Amino acid sequence: MTADPSPALNVNLPQPPGRRFGLALGGGGARGLAHIPMLEACDELGMRPDIIAGTSIGALIGAGYAAGMSGRDLREYVLELFGRRFAALAVMRQRWTGRVWDYWNPLTPALVNGVSLIETALPALLPKTFEELRIPLLVVATDYCAQNECVLSQGALIPAIAASAAIPALFKTVEIGGRILLDGGFVNPTPFDLLRGRADIVAAVDVMGGVPPLTAAPNSVDAVMASTQIALRSIVAEKLRWAAPDVFVAPDVGRFRVLDFWKAAEIWEAAAPAKEEFKRALTSVLEAKLQADKSD
């Protein structure tokens, strides 16, 4: 992704009266830290979404923003948690309420209990339910048995986020309302289509990244992850054909791995051009909407 050399925009845009702004934040593991500069862009433009849709890491970061955190707040929190590997472990240890093995289901010890992990890692100010959020939030998960999309928007918040981020073979599935749920990326990696009919202006941030340069033959894990990414990109490409958002940006973060949370600063640096592109595109859309409203 390239960006022209025009200066950074820092303005307070008037939102068109009666227009609702919806923001979709996609899944991608640690690459989803690139959402934070885009949220900072919204803050700098003076625009907070009226509704947010998120998948996996997008649901997690979207929940923090919907709870009232600013983009800068989220950046500082991530630096506190993941800025240094050992510092991150210390922070998590300080906030532990259980034992180390509470993160694992004793019947399936290879799988991490995502609900416990997220409860430990999330900011303390995050509310317990969707209803307590300042901004409505739609969280996407995959219904394992029905093999289709499940959109969560009410009730307990943390289990919903854990379900949306439950990567198979790494995290336990989550049961909500009798449904067995796992990572929402399998059905809707970047859920901008959910915002049509709910918002007049829709912006989406896709953090799957492009294909990283091949420097050596991929190992089995990398090959599996790459195969999954190909399928997810196909889903997004198809949705773009029939329900494209007003603004769509895809930060150049493909070289980062799903669990590269320790590389937050590098991810943000890679996402910087996309942030400026996002601001310019959103500004252009808003100005066009305002002009259209004046001419009506």
Protein backbone atom coordinates (compact mmCIF):
# COMPACT_ATOMS: atom_id res chain seq x y z
CA MET A 1 0.00 0.00 0.00
CA THR A 2 1.33 3.43 -0.84
CA ALA A 3 0.44 6.86 0.41
CA ASP A 4 1.03 10.21 -1.24
CA PRO A 5 3.32 12.67 0.55
CA SER A 6 0.57 15.10 1.55
CA PRO A 7 0.74 16.24 5.19
CA ALA A 8 -1.12 14.42 7.93
CA LEU A 9 -4.69 15.54 8.47
CA ASN A 10 -5.67 16.73 11.91
CA VAL A 11 -9.10 18.30 11.68
CA ASN A 12 -12.42 18.14 13.45
CA LEU A 13 -14.84 17.17 10.71
CA PRO A 14 -18.54 17.92 11.06
CA GLN A 15 -20.47 14.69 10.72
CA PRO A 16 -23.36 15.00 8.28
CA PRO A 17 -26.56 15.42 10.30
CA GLY A 18 -28.56 12.24 10.52
CA ARG A 19 -25.69 10.19 9.10
CA ARG A 20 -24.49 7.20 11.12
CA PHE A 21 -20.85 6.16 10.90
CA GLY A 22 -20.06 2.44 11.11
CA LEU A 23 -16.59 0.94 11.47
CA ALA A 24 -15.60 -2.67 10.75
CA LEU A 25 -12.41 -4.08 12.26
CA GLY A 26 -11.15 -7.33 10.79
CA GLY A 27 -9.35 -10.32 12.24
CA GLY A 28 -5.69 -11.18 11.86
CA GLY A 29 -4.09 -11.93 15.21
CA ALA A 30 -1.27 -9.57 16.14
CA ARG A 31 -1.65 -7.83 12.79
CA GLY A 32 -4.86 -6.46 14.29
CA LEU A 33 -2.77 -4.08 16.37
CA ALA A 34 -2.80 -2.04 13.15
CA HIS A 35 -6.41 -1.15 14.02
CA ILE A 36 -5.15 1.17 16.73
CA PRO A 37 -3.64 3.80 14.37
CA MET A 38 -6.94 3.80 12.46
CA LEU A 39 -8.83 4.49 15.68
CA GLU A 40 -6.36 7.28 16.41
CA ALA A 41 -7.23 8.64 12.97
CA CYS A 42 -10.92 8.68 13.92
CA ASP A 43 -10.03 10.56 17.10
CA GLU A 44 -7.92 13.08 15.18
CA LEU A 45 -10.78 13.68 12.76
CA GLY A 46 -13.20 14.14 15.65
CA MET A 47 -15.31 11.16 14.54
CA ARG A 48 -16.33 8.31 16.77
CA PRO A 49 -18.34 5.51 15.18
CA ASP A 50 -22.02 5.10 15.97
CA ILE A 51 -21.60 1.32 15.65
CA ILE A 52 -18.63 -1.07 15.41
CA ALA A 53 -18.43 -4.58 13.96
CA GLY A 54 -15.43 -6.71 14.80
CA THR A 55 -13.99 -10.13 14.16
CA SER A 56 -11.39 -11.81 16.40
CA ILE A 57 -8.73 -9.21 17.33
CA GLY A 58 -11.01 -6.62 15.72
CA ALA A 59 -13.73 -7.53 18.22
CA LEU A 60 -11.29 -7.25 21.10
CA ILE A 61 -9.89 -3.85 20.10
CA GLY A 62 -13.34 -2.69 19.05
CA ALA A 63 -14.66 -3.53 22.51
CA GLY A 64 -12.01 -1.35 24.13
CA TYR A 65 -12.89 1.55 21.85
CA ALA A 66 -16.62 1.00 22.32
CA ALA A 67 -16.07 1.09 26.08
CA GLY A 68 -14.72 4.63 25.83
CA MET A 69 -10.97 4.17 25.36
CA SER A 70 -9.32 6.41 22.78
CA GLY A 71 -6.89 5.17 20.17
CA ARG A 72 -4.04 6.57 22.25
CA ASP A 73 -5.37 4.80 25.35
CA LEU A 74 -5.33 1.52 23.45
CA ARG A 75 -1.80 2.13 22.17
CA GLU A 76 -0.52 2.85 25.68
CA TYR A 77 -2.29 -0.19 27.08
CA VAL A 78 -0.77 -2.49 24.47
CA LEU A 79 2.69 -1.06 25.17
CA GLU A 80 2.16 -1.74 28.86
CA LEU A 81 1.05 -5.29 28.16
CA PHE A 82 3.30 -6.30 25.28
CA GLY A 83 6.02 -3.66 25.04
CA ARG A 84 8.55 -6.04 26.54
CA ARG A 85 8.03 -9.78 26.70
CA PHE A 86 8.88 -10.11 30.37
CA ALA A 87 7.05 -6.94 31.35
CA ALA A 88 3.93 -8.32 29.67
CA LEU A 89 4.19 -11.52 31.62
CA ALA A 90 4.61 -9.55 34.84
CA VAL A 91 1.49 -7.46 34.16
CA MET A 92 -0.54 -10.57 33.48
CA ARG A 93 0.80 -12.27 36.60
CA GLN A 94 -0.15 -9.27 38.76
CA ARG A 95 -3.73 -9.48 37.54
CA TRP A 96 -4.09 -13.24 37.89
CA THR A 97 -6.98 -14.39 40.03
CA GLY A 98 -6.40 -18.11 39.48
CA ARG A 99 -3.62 -20.56 38.88
CA VAL A 100 -1.49 -21.07 35.80
CA TRP A 101 -3.44 -24.16 34.77
CA ASP A 102 -6.73 -22.27 34.92
CA TYR A 103 -5.94 -21.17 31.37
CA TRP A 104 -6.21 -24.76 30.18
CA ASN A 105 -9.10 -27.15 30.19
CA PRO A 106 -7.84 -30.25 32.05
CA LEU A 107 -9.64 -32.51 29.57
CA THR A 108 -7.92 -30.89 26.59
CA PRO A 109 -4.63 -29.53 27.95
CA ALA A 110 -3.36 -28.46 24.53
CA LEU A 111 -6.06 -25.78 24.23
CA VAL A 112 -5.88 -22.40 25.93
CA ASN A 113 -8.98 -21.20 27.79
CA GLY A 114 -9.57 -17.99 25.87
CA VAL A 115 -12.15 -16.60 28.32
CA SER A 116 -9.66 -16.74 31.20
CA LEU A 117 -6.87 -15.31 29.08
CA ILE A 118 -8.97 -12.41 27.82
CA GLU A 119 -10.27 -11.64 31.31
CA THR A 120 -6.65 -11.32 32.44
CA ALA A 121 -5.37 -9.32 29.49
CA LEU A 122 -8.21 -6.85 28.94
CA PRO A 123 -8.34 -3.44 30.62
CA ALA A 124 -10.10 -3.47 33.97
CA LEU A 125 -12.54 -0.77 32.81
CA LEU A 126 -14.04 -3.00 30.13
CA PRO A 127 -17.69 -3.66 31.05
CA LYS A 128 -19.07 -7.14 31.52
CA THR A 129 -21.94 -6.83 29.04
CA PHE A 130 -22.60 -5.42 25.58
CA GLU A 131 -25.35 -3.26 27.01
CA GLU A 132 -22.84 -1.28 29.10
CA LEU A 133 -20.72 -0.24 26.10
CA ARG A 134 -20.88 3.38 24.97
CA ILE A 135 -20.96 2.34 21.30
CA PRO A 136 -23.01 -0.63 20.03
CA LEU A 137 -20.77 -3.54 19.09
CA LEU A 138 -21.36 -6.51 16.77
CA VAL A 139 -19.03 -9.46 17.38
CA VAL A 140 -18.65 -12.15 14.74
CA ALA A 141 -18.07 -15.81 15.61
CA THR A 142 -18.45 -19.07 13.71
CA ASP A 143 -21.12 -21.56 14.78
CA TYR A 144 -19.28 -24.89 14.64
CA CYS A 145 -22.36 -27.13 14.43
CA ALA A 146 -24.46 -24.97 12.10
CA GLN A 147 -21.34 -24.06 10.08
CA ASN A 148 -22.42 -20.48 9.63
CA GLU A 149 -21.99 -16.97 10.98
CA CYS A 150 -23.10 -16.02 14.48
CA VAL A 151 -23.36 -12.31 15.32
CA LEU A 152 -23.29 -11.50 19.03
CA SER A 153 -24.52 -8.13 20.27
CA GLN A 154 -26.02 -8.62 23.72
CA GLY A 155 -25.31 -10.36 26.99
CA ALA A 156 -21.89 -11.26 28.36
CA LEU A 157 -19.10 -9.46 26.48
CA ILE A 158 -15.92 -11.38 27.32
CA PRO A 159 -17.18 -14.84 26.27
CA ALA A 160 -18.31 -13.31 22.96
CA ILE A 161 -14.86 -11.84 22.33
CA ALA A 162 -13.23 -15.13 23.33
CA ALA A 163 -15.49 -16.98 20.89
CA SER A 164 -14.69 -14.59 18.06
CA ALA A 165 -10.95 -15.08 18.65
CA ALA A 166 -10.99 -18.84 19.33
CA ILE A 167 -8.42 -20.01 16.78
CA PRO A 168 -8.78 -23.80 16.40
CA ALA A 169 -5.97 -25.92 17.87
CA LEU A 170 -4.89 -22.97 20.02
CA PHE A 171 -7.97 -21.81 21.92
CA LYS A 172 -10.95 -23.71 23.28
CA THR A 173 -14.26 -23.28 21.56
CA VAL A 174 -16.77 -21.23 23.57
CA GLU A 175 -20.35 -22.26 24.28
CA ILE A 176 -22.91 -19.45 24.28
CA GLY A 177 -26.63 -20.13 24.36
CA GLY A 178 -26.11 -23.77 23.48
CA ARG A 179 -24.02 -22.93 20.42
CA ILE A 180 -20.40 -24.05 20.05
CA LEU A 181 -18.49 -21.05 18.71
CA LEU A 182 -15.02 -20.45 17.33
CA ASP A 183 -13.00 -17.86 15.41
CA GLY A 184 -15.28 -15.59 13.38
CA GLY A 185 -12.66 -15.12 10.69
CA PHE A 186 -13.73 -18.34 9.01
CA VAL A 187 -17.07 -16.83 8.00
CA ASN A 188 -16.52 -13.05 7.98
CA PRO A 189 -12.90 -11.87 8.31
CA THR A 190 -13.72 -8.15 7.93
CA PRO A 191 -17.43 -7.68 8.71
CA PHE A 192 -18.27 -4.46 6.90
CA ASP A 193 -21.35 -6.05 5.32
CA LEU A 194 -23.00 -6.21 8.75
CA LEU A 195 -23.04 -2.41 8.87
CA ARG A 196 -25.13 -1.91 5.74
CA GLY A 197 -28.56 -0.82 6.91
CA ARG A 198 -27.11 0.08 10.29
CA ALA A 199 -24.88 2.96 9.16
CA ASP A 200 -24.89 5.49 6.31
CA ILE A 201 -21.10 5.75 6.12
CA VAL A 202 -19.15 2.50 6.41
CA ALA A 203 -15.39 2.21 6.84
CA ALA A 204 -13.48 -1.05 7.08
CA VAL A 205 -9.96 -1.99 8.15
CA ASP A 206 -8.65 -5.30 6.82
CA VAL A 207 -5.52 -6.53 8.63
CA MET A 208 -4.88 -9.89 6.99
CA GLY A 209 -2.04 -8.29 5.05
CA GLY A 210 -0.62 -9.19 1.68
CA VAL A 211 1.42 -12.28 0.91
CA PRO A 212 4.84 -11.97 2.60
CA PRO A 213 7.94 -12.52 0.43
CA LEU A 214 9.02 -16.16 0.33
CA THR A 215 12.62 -16.44 1.54
CA ALA A 216 12.55 -20.18 2.23
CA ALA A 217 10.23 -23.14 1.89
CA PRO A 218 7.39 -22.71 4.44
CA ASN A 219 7.18 -25.12 7.35
CA SER A 220 3.97 -27.04 7.98
CA VAL A 221 2.54 -24.45 10.37
CA ASP A 222 3.24 -21.56 8.00
CA ALA A 223 1.74 -23.53 5.12
CA VAL A 224 -1.48 -24.17 7.06
CA MET A 225 -1.74 -20.51 8.09
CA ALA A 226 -1.09 -19.35 4.52
CA SER A 227 -3.78 -21.69 3.19
CA THR A 228 -6.24 -20.24 5.68
CA GLN A 229 -5.29 -16.69 4.69
CA ILE A 230 -5.95 -17.49 1.03
CA ALA A 231 -9.46 -18.67 1.88
CA LEU A 232 -10.15 -15.64 4.06
CA ARG A 233 -8.96 -13.22 1.39
CA SER A 234 -11.35 -14.88 -1.04
CA ILE A 235 -14.25 -14.22 1.35
CA VAL A 236 -13.33 -10.55 1.66
CA ALA A 237 -12.84 -10.17 -2.10
CA GLU A 238 -16.29 -11.61 -2.76
CA LYS A 239 -17.94 -9.34 -0.19
CA LEU A 240 -16.18 -6.33 -1.71
CA ARG A 241 -17.81 -7.14 -5.03
CA TRP A 242 -21.37 -6.83 -3.74
CA ALA A 243 -21.20 -4.82 -0.51
CA ALA A 244 -18.12 -2.61 -0.68
CA PRO A 245 -17.78 -0.09 2.18
CA ASP A 246 -17.32 3.61 1.55
CA VAL A 247 -13.77 3.40 2.87
CA PHE A 248 -11.59 0.28 2.81
CA VAL A 249 -7.97 0.18 3.94
CA ALA A 250 -5.60 -2.76 4.29
CA PRO A 251 -2.40 -1.93 6.20
CA ASP A 252 0.75 -3.58 4.86
CA VAL A 253 1.23 -5.97 7.77
CA GLY A 254 1.41 -9.30 5.97
CA ARG A 255 4.97 -10.00 7.08
CA PHE A 256 3.90 -10.27 10.72
CA ARG A 257 2.71 -13.55 12.21
CA VAL A 258 -0.52 -14.15 14.07
CA LEU A 259 1.18 -14.19 17.48
CA ASP A 260 3.69 -11.35 16.93
CA PHE A 261 2.17 -9.21 19.68
CA TRP A 262 5.66 -8.37 20.92
CA LYS A 263 6.23 -6.44 17.66
CA ALA A 264 3.58 -3.81 18.32
CA ALA A 265 5.84 -0.85 17.51
CA GLU A 266 6.88 -2.42 14.19
CA ILE A 267 3.27 -3.16 13.28
CA TRP A 268 2.27 0.43 14.00
CA GLU A 269 5.15 1.73 11.90
CA ALA A 270 4.07 -0.50 9.01
CA ALA A 271 0.48 0.74 9.40
CA ALA A 272 1.37 4.45 9.41
CA PRO A 273 0.86 4.98 5.65
CA ALA A 274 -2.53 3.26 5.85
CA LYS A 275 -3.53 5.57 8.70
CA GLU A 276 -2.97 8.63 6.54
CA GLU A 277 -4.74 6.95 3.62
CA PHE A 278 -7.66 6.16 5.94
CA LYS A 279 -7.90 9.78 7.09
CA ARG A 280 -7.82 11.14 3.55
CA ALA A 281 -10.41 8.66 2.31
CA LEU A 282 -12.74 9.23 5.26
CA THR A 283 -12.40 13.00 4.89
CA SER A 284 -13.25 12.75 1.20
CA VAL A 285 -16.35 10.64 1.86
CA LEU A 286 -17.58 12.95 4.61
CA GLU A 287 -17.08 16.04 2.50
CA ALA A 288 -18.99 14.41 -0.36
CA LYS A 289 -21.85 13.49 1.98
CA LEU A 290 -21.98 17.03 3.37
CA GLN A 291 -22.03 18.50 -0.13
CA ALA A 292 -24.80 16.12 -1.15
CA ASP A 293 -26.84 17.09 1.91
CA LYS A 294 -26.46 20.79 1.09
CA SER A 295 -27.64 20.28 -2.48
CA ASP A 296 -30.75 18.31 -1.44
